Amino acid sequence: MNATVKALDNIEIVGGHPAVDFVNTVHSWRADPPPDYLFTFDDFIDWSRISGLLPPKSAARFKSAPGQAKAEAFAEAIKLRANLHRIFVAISAGKAVPRNSLDHLNDVLHRTAPWRRLVAERREGRTTIRAGWNFE
C-alpha cells in the first residue's frame, strides 16, 4: 500500500463531531502528499456509514448512483473537507476565518439547508462560528 493511502477500515472516529472526523479523513495535513482515507465516492459513503451518518440501506442507495453524479459529489465533498480544515486551523490558531472557506461552507449549507447561515465573529481576540436562521 502506498504511503499516501490509508485503509478506511483502520480509521479512528475520535474527533467528537462529524465535521472534525471528516477533516480527519486526511491522516496528516502537513505531509506531502497528505495520507488520505478517501479516494472515491464509495470511500466517502463507506466513511459516512462507519461514522454513523448513513444507515447501510442509504449507503447502498448512494453507491448505486450514476458514475458522473458520484464523481461530482465526491469532488464537492473533498472541496468541503479542505475548506473545513482551513476554517478549523484558523480558529484553533486564533486567526480570522478565511472568507472564501466560510463562503463555500455557507454555499453548501444554502444548497442543502437554505434556511441556515454561518457567521464568523471575533470577540476578545477569539473567533467563533455562530449558526443562525435566515427564513427570508
N, C-alpha and C. Protein backbone atom coordinates (compact mmCIF):
# COMPACT_ATOMS: atom_id res chain seq x y z
N MET A 1 0.85 -1.19 0.00
CA MET A 1 0.00 0.00 0.00
C MET A 1 0.89 1.24 0.00
N ASN A 2 0.61 2.19 -0.83
CA ASN A 2 1.31 3.46 -0.96
C ASN A 2 1.19 4.26 0.34
N ALA A 3 2.23 5.06 0.68
CA ALA A 3 2.24 5.83 1.95
C ALA A 3 1.12 6.85 2.02
N THR A 4 0.58 7.27 0.87
CA THR A 4 -0.49 8.27 0.89
C THR A 4 -1.86 7.63 1.01
N VAL A 5 -1.93 6.31 0.97
CA VAL A 5 -3.20 5.59 1.06
C VAL A 5 -3.35 5.04 2.47
N LYS A 6 -4.48 5.32 3.09
CA LYS A 6 -4.78 4.79 4.41
C LYS A 6 -5.99 3.86 4.27
N ALA A 7 -5.97 2.75 5.00
CA ALA A 7 -7.08 1.80 4.94
C ALA A 7 -8.27 2.34 5.73
N LEU A 8 -9.39 2.48 5.07
CA LEU A 8 -10.58 3.05 5.69
C LEU A 8 -11.06 2.21 6.88
N ASP A 9 -10.84 0.88 6.83
CA ASP A 9 -11.30 0.07 7.95
C ASP A 9 -10.45 0.30 9.20
N ASN A 10 -9.34 1.04 9.09
CA ASN A 10 -8.50 1.35 10.24
C ASN A 10 -8.72 2.77 10.78
N ILE A 11 -9.64 3.50 10.20
CA ILE A 11 -9.83 4.89 10.61
C ILE A 11 -10.41 4.95 12.02
N GLU A 12 -9.95 5.93 12.76
CA GLU A 12 -10.47 6.14 14.11
C GLU A 12 -11.45 7.31 14.07
N ILE A 13 -12.62 7.12 14.62
CA ILE A 13 -13.64 8.16 14.71
C ILE A 13 -13.56 8.72 16.12
N VAL A 14 -12.71 9.74 16.32
CA VAL A 14 -12.43 10.23 17.66
C VAL A 14 -12.52 11.75 17.78
N GLY A 15 -12.98 12.43 16.74
CA GLY A 15 -12.98 13.90 16.74
C GLY A 15 -14.04 14.53 17.61
N GLY A 16 -15.07 13.77 17.95
CA GLY A 16 -16.13 14.32 18.79
C GLY A 16 -17.22 15.03 18.01
N HIS A 17 -17.05 15.19 16.72
CA HIS A 17 -18.06 15.80 15.86
C HIS A 17 -17.82 15.31 14.43
N PRO A 18 -18.89 15.02 13.68
CA PRO A 18 -18.70 14.50 12.32
C PRO A 18 -17.85 15.41 11.43
N ALA A 19 -17.95 16.72 11.59
CA ALA A 19 -17.15 17.62 10.75
C ALA A 19 -15.66 17.45 11.03
N VAL A 20 -15.32 17.30 12.30
CA VAL A 20 -13.91 17.08 12.67
C VAL A 20 -13.45 15.72 12.17
N ASP A 21 -14.28 14.70 12.34
CA ASP A 21 -13.92 13.38 11.85
C ASP A 21 -13.77 13.38 10.33
N PHE A 22 -14.59 14.14 9.63
CA PHE A 22 -14.48 14.24 8.17
C PHE A 22 -13.14 14.86 7.79
N VAL A 23 -12.76 15.95 8.45
CA VAL A 23 -11.46 16.57 8.18
C VAL A 23 -10.34 15.57 8.49
N ASN A 24 -10.54 14.75 9.50
CA ASN A 24 -9.52 13.77 9.88
C ASN A 24 -9.43 12.57 8.94
N THR A 25 -10.22 12.56 7.87
CA THR A 25 -10.04 11.51 6.86
C THR A 25 -8.76 11.76 6.06
N VAL A 26 -8.14 12.92 6.26
CA VAL A 26 -6.75 13.12 5.85
C VAL A 26 -5.94 12.86 7.11
N HIS A 27 -5.08 11.88 7.07
CA HIS A 27 -4.37 11.44 8.28
C HIS A 27 -3.42 12.52 8.82
N SER A 28 -2.75 13.24 7.94
CA SER A 28 -1.86 14.32 8.35
C SER A 28 -1.84 15.38 7.26
N TRP A 29 -2.42 16.54 7.56
CA TRP A 29 -2.49 17.61 6.57
C TRP A 29 -1.11 18.21 6.30
N ARG A 30 -0.15 17.93 7.15
CA ARG A 30 1.20 18.51 6.99
C ARG A 30 2.10 17.66 6.09
N ALA A 31 1.74 16.41 5.86
CA ALA A 31 2.54 15.54 5.00
C ALA A 31 2.36 15.94 3.54
N ASP A 32 3.34 15.61 2.71
CA ASP A 32 3.26 15.94 1.29
C ASP A 32 3.60 14.70 0.48
N PRO A 33 2.64 14.07 -0.15
CA PRO A 33 1.21 14.38 -0.13
C PRO A 33 0.57 13.85 1.15
N PRO A 34 -0.55 14.45 1.54
CA PRO A 34 -1.19 14.02 2.79
C PRO A 34 -1.79 12.61 2.66
N PRO A 35 -1.52 11.74 3.63
CA PRO A 35 -2.12 10.40 3.61
C PRO A 35 -3.64 10.49 3.76
N ASP A 36 -4.35 9.94 2.82
CA ASP A 36 -5.80 10.10 2.74
C ASP A 36 -6.51 8.77 2.88
N TYR A 37 -7.68 8.81 3.48
CA TYR A 37 -8.53 7.62 3.58
C TYR A 37 -9.56 7.57 2.45
N LEU A 38 -9.81 8.69 1.80
CA LEU A 38 -10.89 8.76 0.81
C LEU A 38 -10.33 9.00 -0.59
N PHE A 39 -10.64 8.09 -1.50
CA PHE A 39 -10.17 8.23 -2.88
C PHE A 39 -11.30 8.18 -3.89
N THR A 40 -12.47 7.72 -3.46
CA THR A 40 -13.62 7.61 -4.36
C THR A 40 -14.88 8.00 -3.61
N PHE A 41 -15.93 8.20 -4.35
CA PHE A 41 -17.23 8.47 -3.76
C PHE A 41 -17.65 7.32 -2.84
N ASP A 42 -17.40 6.09 -3.28
CA ASP A 42 -17.77 4.94 -2.46
C ASP A 42 -17.01 4.95 -1.13
N ASP A 43 -15.73 5.40 -1.14
CA ASP A 43 -14.99 5.54 0.12
C ASP A 43 -15.69 6.55 1.03
N PHE A 44 -16.11 7.67 0.44
CA PHE A 44 -16.81 8.71 1.21
C PHE A 44 -18.10 8.15 1.82
N ILE A 45 -18.83 7.39 1.05
CA ILE A 45 -20.07 6.78 1.55
C ILE A 45 -19.76 5.75 2.63
N ASP A 46 -18.71 4.95 2.44
CA ASP A 46 -18.32 3.99 3.47
C ASP A 46 -17.94 4.72 4.76
N TRP A 47 -17.17 5.82 4.65
CA TRP A 47 -16.83 6.59 5.84
C TRP A 47 -18.09 7.13 6.51
N SER A 48 -19.04 7.61 5.72
CA SER A 48 -20.30 8.14 6.27
C SER A 48 -21.06 7.06 7.02
N ARG A 49 -21.02 5.85 6.52
CA ARG A 49 -21.67 4.72 7.20
C ARG A 49 -20.90 4.37 8.48
N ILE A 50 -19.57 4.25 8.39
CA ILE A 50 -18.74 3.91 9.54
C ILE A 50 -18.90 4.94 10.65
N SER A 51 -19.02 6.20 10.28
CA SER A 51 -19.12 7.28 11.27
C SER A 51 -20.53 7.44 11.82
N GLY A 52 -21.47 6.66 11.30
CA GLY A 52 -22.84 6.70 11.82
C GLY A 52 -23.72 7.74 11.18
N LEU A 53 -23.27 8.36 10.09
CA LEU A 53 -24.08 9.38 9.43
C LEU A 53 -25.08 8.80 8.44
N LEU A 54 -24.81 7.61 7.94
CA LEU A 54 -25.71 6.96 6.98
C LEU A 54 -25.99 5.53 7.40
N PRO A 55 -27.26 5.14 7.39
CA PRO A 55 -27.55 3.72 7.64
C PRO A 55 -27.17 2.90 6.40
N PRO A 56 -26.95 1.60 6.55
CA PRO A 56 -26.49 0.76 5.44
C PRO A 56 -27.37 0.85 4.18
N LYS A 57 -28.69 0.89 4.34
CA LYS A 57 -29.56 0.95 3.16
C LYS A 57 -29.36 2.24 2.38
N SER A 58 -29.22 3.36 3.09
CA SER A 58 -28.97 4.64 2.41
C SER A 58 -27.61 4.62 1.73
N ALA A 59 -26.62 4.05 2.39
CA ALA A 59 -25.29 3.96 1.80
C ALA A 59 -25.34 3.18 0.49
N ALA A 60 -26.04 2.07 0.50
CA ALA A 60 -26.16 1.25 -0.71
C ALA A 60 -26.86 2.02 -1.82
N ARG A 61 -27.89 2.79 -1.47
CA ARG A 61 -28.60 3.59 -2.47
C ARG A 61 -27.68 4.64 -3.09
N PHE A 62 -26.91 5.34 -2.26
CA PHE A 62 -25.99 6.35 -2.79
C PHE A 62 -24.93 5.71 -3.68
N LYS A 63 -24.45 4.53 -3.31
CA LYS A 63 -23.42 3.86 -4.11
C LYS A 63 -23.94 3.44 -5.48
N SER A 64 -25.25 3.31 -5.61
CA SER A 64 -25.82 2.89 -6.89
C SER A 64 -26.09 4.07 -7.83
N ALA A 65 -25.72 5.28 -7.44
CA ALA A 65 -25.92 6.47 -8.28
C ALA A 65 -25.06 6.37 -9.53
N PRO A 66 -25.43 7.11 -10.58
CA PRO A 66 -24.62 7.12 -11.81
C PRO A 66 -23.20 7.63 -11.55
N GLY A 67 -22.25 7.12 -12.32
CA GLY A 67 -20.84 7.45 -12.14
C GLY A 67 -20.52 8.93 -12.15
N GLN A 68 -21.09 9.67 -13.10
CA GLN A 68 -20.80 11.10 -13.19
C GLN A 68 -21.32 11.85 -11.96
N ALA A 69 -22.50 11.51 -11.51
CA ALA A 69 -23.05 12.15 -10.30
C ALA A 69 -22.18 11.84 -9.09
N LYS A 70 -21.69 10.61 -9.00
CA LYS A 70 -20.82 10.24 -7.89
C LYS A 70 -19.50 11.01 -7.96
N ALA A 71 -18.94 11.16 -9.14
CA ALA A 71 -17.68 11.89 -9.29
C ALA A 71 -17.84 13.35 -8.89
N GLU A 72 -18.94 13.97 -9.31
CA GLU A 72 -19.20 15.37 -8.96
C GLU A 72 -19.43 15.54 -7.46
N ALA A 73 -20.20 14.64 -6.87
CA ALA A 73 -20.46 14.72 -5.43
C ALA A 73 -19.17 14.51 -4.63
N PHE A 74 -18.33 13.59 -5.08
CA PHE A 74 -17.07 13.34 -4.38
C PHE A 74 -16.15 14.56 -4.47
N ALA A 75 -16.06 15.17 -5.64
CA ALA A 75 -15.22 16.37 -5.78
C ALA A 75 -15.72 17.47 -4.85
N GLU A 76 -17.02 17.63 -4.74
CA GLU A 76 -17.59 18.64 -3.85
C GLU A 76 -17.30 18.30 -2.39
N ALA A 77 -17.39 17.04 -2.02
CA ALA A 77 -17.10 16.63 -0.64
C ALA A 77 -15.64 16.91 -0.28
N ILE A 78 -14.73 16.64 -1.20
CA ILE A 78 -13.30 16.87 -0.94
C ILE A 78 -13.02 18.37 -0.84
N LYS A 79 -13.68 19.17 -1.66
CA LYS A 79 -13.53 20.63 -1.57
C LYS A 79 -14.06 21.12 -0.21
N LEU A 80 -15.19 20.60 0.22
CA LEU A 80 -15.75 20.97 1.52
C LEU A 80 -14.79 20.58 2.64
N ARG A 81 -14.23 19.38 2.56
CA ARG A 81 -13.29 18.93 3.59
C ARG A 81 -12.09 19.87 3.70
N ALA A 82 -11.54 20.30 2.57
CA ALA A 82 -10.39 21.21 2.59
C ALA A 82 -10.76 22.56 3.20
N ASN A 83 -11.95 23.04 2.88
CA ASN A 83 -12.38 24.33 3.45
C ASN A 83 -12.68 24.21 4.94
N LEU A 84 -13.25 23.10 5.38
CA LEU A 84 -13.46 22.88 6.81
C LEU A 84 -12.11 22.87 7.53
N HIS A 85 -11.13 22.22 6.93
CA HIS A 85 -9.78 22.20 7.52
C HIS A 85 -9.24 23.62 7.67
N ARG A 86 -9.36 24.44 6.64
CA ARG A 86 -8.88 25.82 6.71
C ARG A 86 -9.59 26.60 7.83
N ILE A 87 -10.88 26.40 7.96
CA ILE A 87 -11.65 27.08 9.00
C ILE A 87 -11.18 26.62 10.38
N PHE A 88 -11.06 25.32 10.59
CA PHE A 88 -10.65 24.80 11.89
C PHE A 88 -9.25 25.26 12.26
N VAL A 89 -8.33 25.27 11.30
CA VAL A 89 -6.95 25.71 11.57
C VAL A 89 -6.95 27.18 11.98
N ALA A 90 -7.70 28.00 11.26
CA ALA A 90 -7.75 29.43 11.60
C ALA A 90 -8.29 29.64 13.00
N ILE A 91 -9.38 28.98 13.32
CA ILE A 91 -9.98 29.14 14.65
C ILE A 91 -9.03 28.66 15.74
N SER A 92 -8.40 27.51 15.53
CA SER A 92 -7.50 26.97 16.56
C SER A 92 -6.26 27.85 16.73
N ALA A 93 -5.88 28.58 15.69
CA ALA A 93 -4.72 29.47 15.78
C ALA A 93 -5.11 30.88 16.24
N GLY A 94 -6.40 31.10 16.46
CA GLY A 94 -6.86 32.42 16.90
C GLY A 94 -6.82 33.45 15.80
N LYS A 95 -6.89 33.00 14.55
CA LYS A 95 -6.84 33.90 13.40
C LYS A 95 -8.23 34.07 12.78
N ALA A 96 -8.33 35.02 11.89
CA ALA A 96 -9.59 35.24 11.18
C ALA A 96 -9.86 34.04 10.27
N VAL A 97 -11.11 33.67 10.16
CA VAL A 97 -11.52 32.58 9.28
C VAL A 97 -11.40 33.05 7.84
N PRO A 98 -10.77 32.24 6.96
CA PRO A 98 -10.68 32.63 5.56
C PRO A 98 -12.08 32.83 4.95
N ARG A 99 -12.31 34.01 4.44
CA ARG A 99 -13.64 34.37 3.92
C ARG A 99 -14.12 33.40 2.85
N ASN A 100 -13.22 33.03 1.92
CA ASN A 100 -13.64 32.13 0.83
C ASN A 100 -14.03 30.75 1.36
N SER A 101 -13.37 30.29 2.42
CA SER A 101 -13.74 28.99 3.01
C SER A 101 -15.10 29.06 3.67
N LEU A 102 -15.35 30.15 4.41
CA LEU A 102 -16.65 30.32 5.04
C LEU A 102 -17.75 30.52 3.99
N ASP A 103 -17.44 31.26 2.93
CA ASP A 103 -18.42 31.44 1.84
C ASP A 103 -18.78 30.09 1.21
N HIS A 104 -17.78 29.24 1.00
CA HIS A 104 -18.06 27.92 0.42
C HIS A 104 -18.93 27.09 1.35
N LEU A 105 -18.61 27.11 2.65
CA LEU A 105 -19.42 26.37 3.62
C LEU A 105 -20.85 26.89 3.62
N ASN A 106 -21.02 28.20 3.58
CA ASN A 106 -22.37 28.76 3.53
C ASN A 106 -23.09 28.37 2.25
N ASP A 107 -22.36 28.29 1.13
CA ASP A 107 -22.96 27.86 -0.13
C ASP A 107 -23.46 26.42 -0.02
N VAL A 108 -22.65 25.56 0.59
CA VAL A 108 -23.07 24.16 0.79
C VAL A 108 -24.31 24.12 1.68
N LEU A 109 -24.29 24.89 2.76
CA LEU A 109 -25.45 24.93 3.65
C LEU A 109 -26.68 25.46 2.92
N HIS A 110 -26.49 26.48 2.10
CA HIS A 110 -27.63 27.06 1.38
C HIS A 110 -28.25 26.03 0.42
N ARG A 111 -27.39 25.25 -0.23
CA ARG A 111 -27.91 24.24 -1.17
C ARG A 111 -28.56 23.07 -0.44
N THR A 112 -28.09 22.76 0.77
CA THR A 112 -28.60 21.59 1.47
C THR A 112 -29.62 21.93 2.56
N ALA A 113 -29.52 23.11 3.12
CA ALA A 113 -30.45 23.59 4.15
C ALA A 113 -30.52 25.12 4.01
N PRO A 114 -31.30 25.61 3.07
CA PRO A 114 -31.26 27.03 2.71
C PRO A 114 -31.63 28.01 3.83
N TRP A 115 -32.17 27.54 4.91
CA TRP A 115 -32.54 28.45 5.99
C TRP A 115 -31.42 28.65 6.99
N ARG A 116 -30.29 27.95 6.85
CA ARG A 116 -29.16 28.07 7.78
C ARG A 116 -28.14 29.06 7.25
N ARG A 117 -27.45 29.72 8.16
CA ARG A 117 -26.40 30.67 7.81
C ARG A 117 -25.33 30.64 8.90
N LEU A 118 -24.06 30.60 8.51
CA LEU A 118 -22.95 30.64 9.47
C LEU A 118 -22.29 32.01 9.41
N VAL A 119 -21.89 32.50 10.57
CA VAL A 119 -21.21 33.79 10.66
C VAL A 119 -19.99 33.61 11.55
N ALA A 120 -18.84 34.12 11.10
CA ALA A 120 -17.63 34.11 11.92
C ALA A 120 -17.58 35.44 12.66
N GLU A 121 -17.41 35.37 13.98
CA GLU A 121 -17.34 36.58 14.80
C GLU A 121 -16.05 36.55 15.60
N ARG A 122 -15.40 37.73 15.69
CA ARG A 122 -14.20 37.86 16.53
C ARG A 122 -14.56 38.73 17.72
N ARG A 123 -14.34 38.17 18.89
CA ARG A 123 -14.58 38.89 20.15
C ARG A 123 -13.44 38.58 21.09
N GLU A 124 -12.90 39.60 21.68
CA GLU A 124 -11.83 39.43 22.66
C GLU A 124 -10.70 38.55 22.13
N GLY A 125 -10.34 38.76 20.86
CA GLY A 125 -9.23 38.01 20.26
C GLY A 125 -9.52 36.59 19.87
N ARG A 126 -10.77 36.15 19.97
CA ARG A 126 -11.14 34.78 19.62
C ARG A 126 -12.16 34.80 18.49
N THR A 127 -12.06 33.79 17.63
CA THR A 127 -13.03 33.62 16.56
C THR A 127 -14.00 32.52 16.94
N THR A 128 -15.27 32.81 16.76
CA THR A 128 -16.29 31.79 16.97
C THR A 128 -17.16 31.71 15.72
N ILE A 129 -17.72 30.57 15.48
CA ILE A 129 -18.67 30.37 14.38
C ILE A 129 -20.04 30.24 15.02
N ARG A 130 -20.96 31.05 14.55
CA ARG A 130 -22.32 31.04 15.09
C ARG A 130 -23.27 30.64 13.97
N ALA A 131 -24.16 29.72 14.26
CA ALA A 131 -25.18 29.31 13.29
C ALA A 131 -26.45 30.10 13.58
N GLY A 132 -27.08 30.52 12.52
CA GLY A 132 -28.33 31.25 12.67
C GLY A 132 -29.33 30.78 11.64
N TRP A 133 -30.45 31.43 11.65
CA TRP A 133 -31.55 31.10 10.73
C TRP A 133 -31.82 32.27 9.83
N ASN A 134 -32.11 31.98 8.59
CA ASN A 134 -32.43 33.01 7.61
C ASN A 134 -33.66 32.52 6.85
N PHE A 135 -34.84 32.97 7.27
CA PHE A 135 -36.08 32.49 6.66
C PHE A 135 -36.61 33.42 5.57
N GLU A 136 -35.79 34.34 5.09
CA GLU A 136 -36.26 35.29 4.06
C GLU A 136 -36.49 34.63 2.75
